[in-house]
Amino acid sequence: MTDTMSSGSVLVTGATGNVGRAVAQHLFDLGQSVVSAARDESTQNVVIGTERRAFDFESPSGWPAAFAGIDRLFLLRPPALADVQRYMFPLIDTALDAGVRHIVFLSLQGVQFNTATPHHAVEQYLRARSAPFTFLRPNFFMQNLSTTYRDDIRDRGEIFVPAGRAHTAFVDTDDLGRVTASVLTQAGHLHKAYTLSGEQSLDYYEVARQLTTTLGYPVRYVAPDAVEYVRRLTEQGASADFIAVQKMIYRVVRMNVSAFPNRSIRRLTGAPATTFAQFAEREKSAWTRSRTTR
């Protein structure tokens, strides 16, 4: 296996989500042939100019067609998919059998300390298969605050996560898209693992202060304990698998594993990481309140 640039196509899983769209967009901007994989092939929620292909992690019969002509893969684990041995291991086998020669896997920061996570199992399987991998281990996404926790912020004016006073060096998914595009188009990244953090380390009290400044209404950090957090997720209808993964993730956060900023994004892309203030200003429409919540 050679570590060289490729002229083939890249399959981007999760292409309708925050990370997948950013990856597809930056690859497309670099002139790459990009295939946006989505459960619904007719979806319009993919990057314009990319090829759309039907792809479902839980439908193995469609995988061979999805990998036709593909030599690079951006692989992420859907949050609701906890049984990676049943679905993701066979998917990796299919990709390798189809001739994919570089798999960039979106893993998790601190995965080496949290071996119970599905991400750790996928990393271990890729190593066991001697696959041509690169692991991206990002810190918490800024976009979690504008998607998963958007309603809590917009409707209640609160951030409700069990992080305690721990700090986090948040990552913008657009920066992650830039990193992935660089890794998939430049030599020197096979069998590497990159820990990706922002260049600022903030606790959630500071995040709440910055959101208050940007949004023009008060946002506070509640700092629930793990039991209160699980109760809230259950009330919101989250699945048991999703809740289990979130509990593991925030256990790592409270250990301050996510607190340390670095310049990996700058080093891999040539540009600095997005600051939280820049992100909040760019995405503030996500938290815009209706008249009834003002």
C-alpha atoms as a PDB file:
ATOM      1  CA  MET A   1       0.000   0.000   0.000  1.00  0.00           C
ATOM      2  CA  THR A   2       1.477   3.332  -1.040  1.00  0.00           C
ATOM      3  CA  ASP A   3       0.773   6.616   0.670  1.00  0.00           C
ATOM      4  CA  THR A   4       0.175   8.834  -2.345  1.00  0.00           C
ATOM      5  CA  MET A   5      -2.376  11.246  -3.671  1.00  0.00           C
ATOM      6  CA  SER A   6      -5.231   9.703  -5.648  1.00  0.00           C
ATOM      7  CA  SER A   7      -7.248  10.657  -8.688  1.00  0.00           C
ATOM      8  CA  GLY A   8     -10.165   8.341  -7.794  1.00  0.00           C
ATOM      9  CA  SER A   9     -13.415   9.095  -5.978  1.00  0.00           C
ATOM     10  CA  VAL A  10     -14.024   9.661  -2.281  1.00  0.00           C
ATOM     11  CA  LEU A  11     -17.112   8.237  -0.578  1.00  0.00           C
ATOM     12  CA  VAL A  12     -18.265  10.487   2.265  1.00  0.00           C
ATOM     13  CA  THR A  13     -20.549   8.823   4.792  1.00  0.00           C
ATOM     14  CA  GLY A  14     -22.874  10.995   6.837  1.00  0.00           C
ATOM     15  CA  ALA A  15     -22.912  13.453   3.949  1.00  0.00           C
ATOM     16  CA  THR A  16     -26.111  15.170   5.103  1.00  0.00           C
ATOM     17  CA  GLY A  17     -24.744  15.954   8.571  1.00  0.00           C
ATOM     18  CA  ASN A  18     -22.541  18.749   9.880  1.00  0.00           C
ATOM     19  CA  VAL A  19     -19.274  16.843   9.586  1.00  0.00           C
ATOM     20  CA  GLY A  20     -19.993  14.963   6.366  1.00  0.00           C
ATOM     21  CA  ARG A  21     -21.172  18.073   4.536  1.00  0.00           C
ATOM     22  CA  ALA A  22     -18.060  19.969   5.608  1.00  0.00           C
ATOM     23  CA  VAL A  23     -15.823  17.118   4.442  1.00  0.00           C
ATOM     24  CA  ALA A  24     -17.621  16.851   1.102  1.00  0.00           C
ATOM     25  CA  GLN A  25     -17.537  20.620   0.569  1.00  0.00           C
ATOM     26  CA  HIS A  26     -13.816  20.996   1.198  1.00  0.00           C
ATOM     27  CA  LEU A  27     -12.978  17.971  -0.955  1.00  0.00           C
ATOM     28  CA  PHE A  28     -15.169  19.353  -3.744  1.00  0.00           C
ATOM     29  CA  ASP A  29     -13.500  22.759  -3.425  1.00  0.00           C
ATOM     30  CA  LEU A  30     -10.164  21.004  -3.992  1.00  0.00           C
ATOM     31  CA  GLY A  31     -11.463  19.560  -7.259  1.00  0.00           C
ATOM     32  CA  GLN A  32     -11.934  16.026  -5.961  1.00  0.00           C
ATOM     33  CA  SER A  33     -14.516  13.563  -7.268  1.00  0.00           C
ATOM     34  CA  VAL A  34     -16.859  13.293  -4.289  1.00  0.00           C
ATOM     35  CA  VAL A  35     -19.663  10.804  -3.701  1.00  0.00           C
ATOM     36  CA  SER A  36     -22.104  11.906  -1.003  1.00  0.00           C
ATOM     37  CA  ALA A  37     -23.560   8.844   0.696  1.00  0.00           C
ATOM     38  CA  ALA A  38     -27.038   9.226   2.163  1.00  0.00           C
ATOM     39  CA  ARG A  39     -29.847   6.917   3.169  1.00  0.00           C
ATOM     40  CA  ASP A  40     -32.156   8.709   0.734  1.00  0.00           C
ATOM     41  CA  GLU A  41     -30.464   9.018  -2.651  1.00  0.00           C
ATOM     42  CA  SER A  42     -32.921  11.724  -3.693  1.00  0.00           C
ATOM     43  CA  THR A  43     -32.073  14.029  -0.790  1.00  0.00           C
ATOM     44  CA  GLN A  44     -31.125  17.569  -1.680  1.00  0.00           C
ATOM     45  CA  ASN A  45     -29.289  18.100   1.609  1.00  0.00           C
ATOM     46  CA  VAL A  46     -25.864  17.317   0.177  1.00  0.00           C
ATOM     47  CA  VAL A  47     -23.140  19.470  -1.321  1.00  0.00           C
ATOM     48  CA  ILE A  48     -24.144  20.673  -4.777  1.00  0.00           C
ATOM     49  CA  GLY A  49     -21.937  19.206  -7.475  1.00  0.00           C
ATOM     50  CA  THR A  50     -21.209  15.954  -5.659  1.00  0.00           C
ATOM     51  CA  GLU A  51     -22.600  12.614  -6.792  1.00  0.00           C
ATOM     52  CA  ARG A  52     -25.396  11.238  -4.610  1.00  0.00           C
ATOM     53  CA  ARG A  53     -25.534   7.538  -3.798  1.00  0.00           C
ATOM     54  CA  ALA A  54     -27.901   5.554  -1.630  1.00  0.00           C
ATOM     55  CA  PHE A  55     -26.169   4.203   1.445  1.00  0.00           C
ATOM     56  CA  ASP A  56     -27.512   2.717   4.655  1.00  0.00           C
ATOM     57  CA  PHE A  57     -25.271   1.417   7.433  1.00  0.00           C
ATOM     58  CA  GLU A  58     -27.939  -1.156   8.269  1.00  0.00           C
ATOM     59  CA  SER A  59     -28.473  -2.455   4.710  1.00  0.00           C
ATOM     60  CA  PRO A  60     -25.374  -4.448   3.676  1.00  0.00           C
ATOM     61  CA  SER A  61     -26.922  -5.497   0.367  1.00  0.00           C
ATOM     62  CA  GLY A  62     -26.442  -1.961  -0.947  1.00  0.00           C
ATOM     63  CA  TRP A  63     -22.812  -1.540   0.094  1.00  0.00           C
ATOM     64  CA  PRO A  64     -21.076  -3.043  -2.977  1.00  0.00           C
ATOM     65  CA  ALA A  65     -22.887  -0.643  -5.304  1.00  0.00           C
ATOM     66  CA  ALA A  66     -22.005   2.298  -3.077  1.00  0.00           C
ATOM     67  CA  PHE A  67     -18.296   1.427  -3.268  1.00  0.00           C
ATOM     68  CA  ALA A  68     -18.141   1.056  -7.045  1.00  0.00           C
ATOM     69  CA  GLY A  69     -15.243   3.194  -8.304  1.00  0.00           C
ATOM     70  CA  ILE A  70     -14.328   4.380  -4.792  1.00  0.00           C
ATOM     71  CA  ASP A  71     -10.719   4.346  -3.600  1.00  0.00           C
ATOM     72  CA  ARG A  72     -10.959   6.569  -0.505  1.00  0.00           C
ATOM     73  CA  LEU A  73     -13.494   6.591   2.309  1.00  0.00           C
ATOM     74  CA  PHE A  74     -14.449   9.059   5.006  1.00  0.00           C
ATOM     75  CA  LEU A  75     -16.067   6.881   7.650  1.00  0.00           C
ATOM     76  CA  LEU A  76     -18.049   8.037  10.637  1.00  0.00           C
ATOM     77  CA  ARG A  77     -20.204   6.189  13.124  1.00  0.00           C
ATOM     78  CA  PRO A  78     -23.836   7.331  13.272  1.00  0.00           C
ATOM     79  CA  PRO A  79     -24.605   8.289  16.893  1.00  0.00           C
ATOM     80  CA  ALA A  80     -27.484   5.812  17.117  1.00  0.00           C
ATOM     81  CA  LEU A  81     -25.409   2.889  15.836  1.00  0.00           C
ATOM     82  CA  ALA A  82     -23.790   1.210  18.833  1.00  0.00           C
ATOM     83  CA  ASP A  83     -23.393  -2.339  17.474  1.00  0.00           C
ATOM     84  CA  VAL A  84     -20.290  -1.679  15.393  1.00  0.00           C
ATOM     85  CA  GLN A  85     -19.381  -5.357  15.222  1.00  0.00           C
ATOM     86  CA  ARG A  86     -22.628  -6.106  13.414  1.00  0.00           C
ATOM     87  CA  TYR A  87     -22.580  -3.187  10.999  1.00  0.00           C
ATOM     88  CA  MET A  88     -19.290  -1.312  10.798  1.00  0.00           C
ATOM     89  CA  PHE A  89     -16.894  -4.265  10.818  1.00  0.00           C
ATOM     90  CA  PRO A  90     -18.565  -5.860   7.747  1.00  0.00           C
ATOM     91  CA  LEU A  91     -18.705  -2.426   6.114  1.00  0.00           C
ATOM     92  CA  ILE A  92     -14.947  -2.074   6.522  1.00  0.00           C
ATOM     93  CA  ASP A  93     -14.504  -5.536   5.017  1.00  0.00           C
ATOM     94  CA  THR A  94     -16.643  -4.537   2.031  1.00  0.00           C
ATOM     95  CA  ALA A  95     -14.653  -1.341   1.515  1.00  0.00           C
ATOM     96  CA  LEU A  96     -11.333  -3.172   1.557  1.00  0.00           C
ATOM     97  CA  ASP A  97     -12.637  -5.875  -0.779  1.00  0.00           C
ATOM     98  CA  ALA A  98     -13.776  -3.126  -3.165  1.00  0.00           C
ATOM     99  CA  GLY A  99     -10.250  -1.706  -3.368  1.00  0.00           C
ATOM    100  CA  VAL A 100     -10.516   1.267  -1.029  1.00  0.00           C
ATOM    101  CA  ARG A 101      -6.956   2.252  -0.206  1.00  0.00           C
ATOM    102  CA  HIS A 102      -7.386   4.972   2.378  1.00  0.00           C
ATOM    103  CA  ILE A 103      -9.977   5.049   5.164  1.00  0.00           C
ATOM    104  CA  VAL A 104     -10.185   8.178   7.292  1.00  0.00           C
ATOM    105  CA  PHE A 105     -12.159   7.271  10.402  1.00  0.00           C
ATOM    106  CA  LEU A 106     -13.779   9.934  12.551  1.00  0.00           C
ATOM    107  CA  SER A 107     -12.942   8.682  16.012  1.00  0.00           C
ATOM    108  CA  LEU A 108     -13.065  10.361  19.401  1.00  0.00           C
ATOM    109  CA  GLN A 109     -10.595  12.329  21.466  1.00  0.00           C
ATOM    110  CA  GLY A 110      -9.406  10.316  24.428  1.00  0.00           C
ATOM    111  CA  VAL A 111     -10.537   7.049  22.850  1.00  0.00           C
ATOM    112  CA  GLN A 112      -7.333   5.403  24.036  1.00  0.00           C
ATOM    113  CA  PHE A 113      -8.469   6.049  27.623  1.00  0.00           C
ATOM    114  CA  ASN A 114     -12.101   5.056  27.039  1.00  0.00           C
ATOM    115  CA  THR A 115     -11.953   1.558  25.607  1.00  0.00           C
ATOM    116  CA  ALA A 116     -15.673   0.923  26.134  1.00  0.00           C
ATOM    117  CA  THR A 117     -16.642   3.316  23.342  1.00  0.00           C
ATOM    118  CA  PRO A 118     -17.693   2.001  19.906  1.00  0.00           C
ATOM    119  CA  HIS A 119     -14.989   4.219  18.380  1.00  0.00           C
ATOM    120  CA  HIS A 120     -12.271   2.251  20.163  1.00  0.00           C
ATOM    121  CA  ALA A 121     -13.636  -1.018  18.785  1.00  0.00           C
ATOM    122  CA  VAL A 122     -13.610   0.364  15.233  1.00  0.00           C
ATOM    123  CA  GLU A 123     -10.034   1.619  15.598  1.00  0.00           C
ATOM    124  CA  GLN A 124      -8.936  -1.783  16.860  1.00  0.00           C
ATOM    125  CA  TYR A 125     -10.669  -3.563  13.997  1.00  0.00           C
ATOM    126  CA  LEU A 126      -9.037  -1.339  11.383  1.00  0.00           C
ATOM    127  CA  ARG A 127      -5.654  -2.107  12.923  1.00  0.00           C
ATOM    128  CA  ALA A 128      -6.423  -5.832  13.062  1.00  0.00           C
ATOM    129  CA  ARG A 129      -7.338  -5.804   9.376  1.00  0.00           C
ATOM    130  CA  SER A 130      -4.090  -3.977   8.519  1.00  0.00           C
ATOM    131  CA  ALA A 131      -6.301  -1.410   6.833  1.00  0.00           C
ATOM    132  CA  PRO A 132      -4.876   1.792   5.316  1.00  0.00           C
ATOM    133  CA  PHE A 133      -6.313   4.051   8.011  1.00  0.00           C
ATOM    134  CA  THR A 134      -5.989   7.529   9.405  1.00  0.00           C
ATOM    135  CA  PHE A 135      -7.721   8.238  12.716  1.00  0.00           C
ATOM    136  CA  LEU A 136      -9.072  11.707  13.402  1.00  0.00           C
ATOM    137  CA  ARG A 137      -9.716  12.136  17.123  1.00  0.00           C
ATOM    138  CA  PRO A 138     -11.493  15.472  17.467  1.00  0.00           C
ATOM    139  CA  ASN A 139     -12.476  17.265  20.604  1.00  0.00           C
ATOM    140  CA  PHE A 140     -16.100  18.213  21.204  1.00  0.00           C
ATOM    141  CA  PHE A 141     -17.791  19.882  18.269  1.00  0.00           C
ATOM    142  CA  MET A 142     -18.929  23.463  18.647  1.00  0.00           C
ATOM    143  CA  GLN A 143     -21.915  22.389  16.559  1.00  0.00           C
ATOM    144  CA  ASN A 144     -23.189  20.234  19.438  1.00  0.00           C
ATOM    145  CA  LEU A 145     -24.339  23.518  20.932  1.00  0.00           C
ATOM    146  CA  SER A 146     -26.178  24.602  17.774  1.00  0.00           C
ATOM    147  CA  THR A 147     -27.783  21.194  17.110  1.00  0.00           C
ATOM    148  CA  THR A 148     -28.051  18.681  19.962  1.00  0.00           C
ATOM    149  CA  TYR A 149     -28.286  21.350  22.680  1.00  0.00           C
ATOM    150  CA  ARG A 150     -29.845  24.086  20.550  1.00  0.00           C
ATOM    151  CA  ASP A 151     -33.328  23.857  22.061  1.00  0.00           C
ATOM    152  CA  ASP A 152     -32.057  23.988  25.640  1.00  0.00           C
ATOM    153  CA  ILE A 153     -30.114  27.154  24.818  1.00  0.00           C
ATOM    154  CA  ARG A 154     -32.759  28.840  22.679  1.00  0.00           C
ATOM    155  CA  ASP A 155     -35.886  27.890  24.647  1.00  0.00           C
ATOM    156  CA  ARG A 156     -34.563  27.697  28.220  1.00  0.00           C
ATOM    157  CA  GLY A 157     -31.444  29.851  28.072  1.00  0.00           C
ATOM    158  CA  GLU A 158     -29.353  27.058  29.533  1.00  0.00           C
ATOM    159  CA  ILE A 159     -26.551  24.639  28.682  1.00  0.00           C
ATOM    160  CA  PHE A 160     -27.393  21.276  30.228  1.00  0.00           C
ATOM    161  CA  VAL A 161     -24.404  18.904  30.078  1.00  0.00           C
ATOM    162  CA  PRO A 162     -22.628  17.050  32.929  1.00  0.00           C
ATOM    163  CA  ALA A 163     -19.170  18.512  32.359  1.00  0.00           C
ATOM    164  CA  GLY A 164     -18.691  20.067  35.785  1.00  0.00           C
ATOM    165  CA  ARG A 165     -15.948  22.694  35.765  1.00  0.00           C
ATOM    166  CA  ALA A 166     -13.879  20.847  33.192  1.00  0.00           C
ATOM    167  CA  HIS A 167     -12.517  22.761  30.223  1.00  0.00           C
ATOM    168  CA  THR A 168     -12.881  21.799  26.569  1.00  0.00           C
ATOM    169  CA  ALA A 169     -10.895  22.913  23.525  1.00  0.00           C
ATOM    170  CA  PHE A 170     -13.869  22.853  21.151  1.00  0.00           C
ATOM    171  CA  VAL A 171     -13.543  22.098  17.435  1.00  0.00           C
ATOM    172  CA  ASP A 172     -15.555  23.609  14.579  1.00  0.00           C
ATOM    173  CA  THR A 173     -16.766  20.899  12.176  1.00  0.00           C
ATOM    174  CA  ASP A 174     -15.804  23.138   9.274  1.00  0.00           C
ATOM    175  CA  ASP A 175     -12.209  22.937  10.506  1.00  0.00           C
ATOM    176  CA  LEU A 176     -12.603  19.172  10.687  1.00  0.00           C
ATOM    177  CA  GLY A 177     -13.739  19.213   7.071  1.00  0.00           C
ATOM    178  CA  ARG A 178     -10.600  21.114   6.105  1.00  0.00           C
ATOM    179  CA  VAL A 179      -8.407  18.643   7.977  1.00  0.00           C
ATOM    180  CA  THR A 180     -10.081  15.630   6.381  1.00  0.00           C
ATOM    181  CA  ALA A 181      -9.742  17.082   2.902  1.00  0.00           C
ATOM    182  CA  SER A 182      -6.037  17.665   3.495  1.00  0.00           C
ATOM    183  CA  VAL A 183      -5.488  14.161   4.858  1.00  0.00           C
ATOM    184  CA  LEU A 184      -7.308  12.551   1.927  1.00  0.00           C
ATOM    185  CA  THR A 185      -5.474  14.524  -0.751  1.00  0.00           C
ATOM    186  CA  GLN A 186      -1.923  14.753   0.567  1.00  0.00           C
ATOM    187  CA  ALA A 187       0.715  12.113   1.187  1.00  0.00           C
ATOM    188  CA  GLY A 188       2.092  11.211   4.591  1.00  0.00           C
ATOM    189  CA  HIS A 189      -1.020  10.430   6.629  1.00  0.00           C
ATOM    190  CA  LEU A 190      -1.447   6.651   6.445  1.00  0.00           C
ATOM    191  CA  HIS A 191      -1.428   4.837   9.798  1.00  0.00           C
ATOM    192  CA  LYS A 192      -1.453   8.123  11.703  1.00  0.00           C
ATOM    193  CA  ALA A 193      -3.760   9.241  14.517  1.00  0.00           C
ATOM    194  CA  TYR A 194      -4.377  12.965  14.971  1.00  0.00           C
ATOM    195  CA  THR A 195      -5.803  14.519  18.107  1.00  0.00           C
ATOM    196  CA  LEU A 196      -7.672  17.618  16.971  1.00  0.00           C
ATOM    197  CA  SER A 197      -8.465  20.426  19.387  1.00  0.00           C
ATOM    198  CA  GLY A 198      -9.171  24.093  19.062  1.00  0.00           C
ATOM    199  CA  GLU A 199      -6.621  26.663  20.157  1.00  0.00           C
ATOM    200  CA  GLN A 200      -8.762  27.860  23.096  1.00  0.00           C
ATOM    201  CA  SER A 201      -9.728  25.947  26.234  1.00  0.00           C
ATOM    202  CA  LEU A 202     -13.080  27.019  27.689  1.00  0.00           C
ATOM    203  CA  ASP A 203     -15.298  25.763  30.465  1.00  0.00           C
ATOM    204  CA  TYR A 204     -19.051  25.824  29.914  1.00  0.00           C
ATOM    205  CA  TYR A 205     -19.463  28.868  32.137  1.00  0.00           C
ATOM    206  CA  GLU A 206     -17.308  30.827  29.673  1.00  0.00           C
ATOM    207  CA  VAL A 207     -19.202  29.312  26.740  1.00  0.00           C
ATOM    208  CA  ALA A 208     -22.440  30.542  28.316  1.00  0.00           C
ATOM    209  CA  ARG A 209     -20.961  34.034  28.756  1.00  0.00           C
ATOM    210  CA  GLN A 210     -19.853  34.180  25.133  1.00  0.00           C
ATOM    211  CA  LEU A 211     -23.255  33.005  23.916  1.00  0.00           C
ATOM    212  CA  THR A 212     -24.935  35.621  26.102  1.00  0.00           C
ATOM    213  CA  THR A 213     -22.808  38.330  24.489  1.00  0.00           C
ATOM    214  CA  THR A 214     -23.453  37.117  20.947  1.00  0.00           C
ATOM    215  CA  LEU A 215     -27.144  36.242  21.234  1.00  0.00           C
ATOM    216  CA  GLY A 216     -28.300  39.196  23.298  1.00  0.00           C
ATOM    217  CA  TYR A 217     -30.193  37.125  25.867  1.00  0.00           C
ATOM    218  CA  PRO A 218     -28.912  35.394  29.019  1.00  0.00           C
ATOM    219  CA  VAL A 219     -27.519  31.883  28.735  1.00  0.00           C
ATOM    220  CA  ARG A 220     -26.362  30.034  31.848  1.00  0.00           C
ATOM    221  CA  TYR A 221     -24.542  26.778  32.436  1.00  0.00           C
ATOM    222  CA  VAL A 222     -26.587  24.502  34.714  1.00  0.00           C
ATOM    223  CA  ALA A 223     -23.896  21.857  35.400  1.00  0.00           C
ATOM    224  CA  PRO A 224     -26.219  18.891  36.050  1.00  0.00           C
ATOM    225  CA  ASP A 225     -24.898  15.662  37.475  1.00  0.00           C
ATOM    226  CA  ALA A 226     -24.920  12.489  35.365  1.00  0.00           C
ATOM    227  CA  VAL A 227     -28.244  11.285  36.789  1.00  0.00           C
ATOM    228  CA  GLU A 228     -30.014  14.557  35.977  1.00  0.00           C
ATOM    229  CA  TYR A 229     -28.501  14.534  32.493  1.00  0.00           C
ATOM    230  CA  VAL A 230     -29.708  10.998  31.765  1.00  0.00           C
ATOM    231  CA  ARG A 231     -33.166  11.920  33.036  1.00  0.00           C
ATOM    232  CA  ARG A 232     -33.310  14.895  30.643  1.00  0.00           C
ATOM    233  CA  LEU A 233     -32.182  12.797  27.668  1.00  0.00           C
ATOM    234  CA  THR A 234     -34.735  10.120  28.515  1.00  0.00           C
ATOM    235  CA  GLU A 235     -37.507  12.720  28.708  1.00  0.00           C
ATOM    236  CA  GLN A 236     -36.427  13.981  25.287  1.00  0.00           C
ATOM    237  CA  GLY A 237     -36.791  10.480  23.820  1.00  0.00           C
ATOM    238  CA  ALA A 238     -33.112   9.630  23.321  1.00  0.00           C
ATOM    239  CA  SER A 239     -32.312   5.969  22.723  1.00  0.00           C
ATOM    240  CA  ALA A 240     -30.603   3.839  25.357  1.00  0.00           C
ATOM    241  CA  ASP A 241     -27.557   3.389  23.099  1.00  0.00           C
ATOM    242  CA  PHE A 242     -27.228   7.147  22.551  1.00  0.00           C
ATOM    243  CA  ILE A 243     -27.516   7.813  26.281  1.00  0.00           C
ATOM    244  CA  ALA A 244     -24.876   5.192  27.082  1.00  0.00           C
ATOM    245  CA  VAL A 245     -22.388   6.733  24.655  1.00  0.00           C
ATOM    246  CA  GLN A 246     -23.052  10.249  25.963  1.00  0.00           C
ATOM    247  CA  LYS A 247     -22.450   9.101  29.544  1.00  0.00           C
ATOM    248  CA  MET A 248     -19.089   7.624  28.550  1.00  0.00           C
ATOM    249  CA  ILE A 249     -18.095  10.738  26.634  1.00  0.00           C
ATOM    250  CA  TYR A 250     -18.846  13.143  29.484  1.00  0.00           C
ATOM    251  CA  ARG A 251     -17.076  10.894  31.961  1.00  0.00           C
ATOM    252  CA  VAL A 252     -13.944  11.517  29.903  1.00  0.00           C
ATOM    253  CA  VAL A 253     -14.691  15.251  29.773  1.00  0.00           C
ATOM    254  CA  ARG A 254     -14.851  15.433  33.564  1.00  0.00           C
ATOM    255  CA  MET A 255     -11.373  13.881  33.647  1.00  0.00           C
ATOM    256  CA  ASN A 256     -10.220  17.027  31.755  1.00  0.00           C
ATOM    257  CA  VAL A 257      -8.962  14.923  28.850  1.00  0.00           C
ATOM    258  CA  SER A 258     -10.640  17.410  26.502  1.00  0.00           C
ATOM    259  CA  ALA A 259      -9.143  20.491  28.140  1.00  0.00           C
ATOM    260  CA  PHE A 260      -5.916  20.795  26.216  1.00  0.00           C
ATOM    261  CA  PRO A 261      -5.725  23.026  23.123  1.00  0.00           C
ATOM    262  CA  ASN A 262      -3.315  22.251  20.324  1.00  0.00           C
ATOM    263  CA  ARG A 263      -2.327  23.484  16.887  1.00  0.00           C
ATOM    264  CA  SER A 264      -2.969  20.290  14.930  1.00  0.00           C
ATOM    265  CA  ILE A 265      -5.616  21.967  12.769  1.00  0.00           C
ATOM    266  CA  ARG A 266      -3.224  24.788  11.915  1.00  0.00           C
ATOM    267  CA  ARG A 267      -0.417  22.312  11.217  1.00  0.00           C
ATOM    268  CA  LEU A 268      -2.531  20.066   8.964  1.00  0.00           C
ATOM    269  CA  THR A 269      -4.311  22.817   7.021  1.00  0.00           C
ATOM    270  CA  GLY A 270      -2.086  25.883   7.221  1.00  0.00           C
ATOM    271  CA  ALA A 271      -4.836  27.973   8.858  1.00  0.00           C
ATOM    272  CA  PRO A 272      -5.722  28.538  12.524  1.00  0.00           C
ATOM    273  CA  ALA A 273      -8.655  26.861  14.207  1.00  0.00           C
ATOM    274  CA  THR A 274     -11.938  28.756  14.417  1.00  0.00           C
ATOM    275  CA  THR A 275     -12.506  30.483  17.760  1.00  0.00           C
ATOM    276  CA  PHE A 276     -15.734  29.936  19.673  1.00  0.00           C
ATOM    277  CA  ALA A 277     -16.656  33.596  19.280  1.00  0.00           C
ATOM    278  CA  GLN A 278     -16.263  33.318  15.503  1.00  0.00           C
ATOM    279  CA  PHE A 279     -18.411  30.190  15.458  1.00  0.00           C
ATOM    280  CA  ALA A 280     -21.154  31.710  17.617  1.00  0.00           C
ATOM    281  CA  GLU A 281     -21.357  34.812  15.431  1.00  0.00           C
ATOM    282  CA  ARG A 282     -21.488  32.737  12.239  1.00  0.00           C
ATOM    283  CA  GLU A 283     -24.141  30.330  13.540  1.00  0.00           C
ATOM    284  CA  LYS A 284     -26.215  32.604  15.772  1.00  0.00           C
ATOM    285  CA  SER A 285     -29.343  32.149  13.645  1.00  0.00           C
ATOM    286  CA  ALA A 286     -29.557  28.609  15.077  1.00  0.00           C
ATOM    287  CA  TRP A 287     -30.467  30.097  18.466  1.00  0.00           C
ATOM    288  CA  THR A 288     -32.726  32.901  17.230  1.00  0.00           C
ATOM    289  CA  ARG A 289     -35.772  33.050  19.464  1.00  0.00           C
ATOM    290  CA  SER A 290     -39.338  33.297  18.268  1.00  0.00           C
ATOM    291  CA  ARG A 291     -41.589  35.952  19.773  1.00  0.00           C
ATOM    292  CA  THR A 292     -43.053  33.394  22.192  1.00  0.00           C
ATOM    293  CA  THR A 293     -39.671  32.642  23.795  1.00  0.00           C
ATOM    294  CA  ARG A 294     -38.449  36.209  24.140  1.00  0.00           C
END
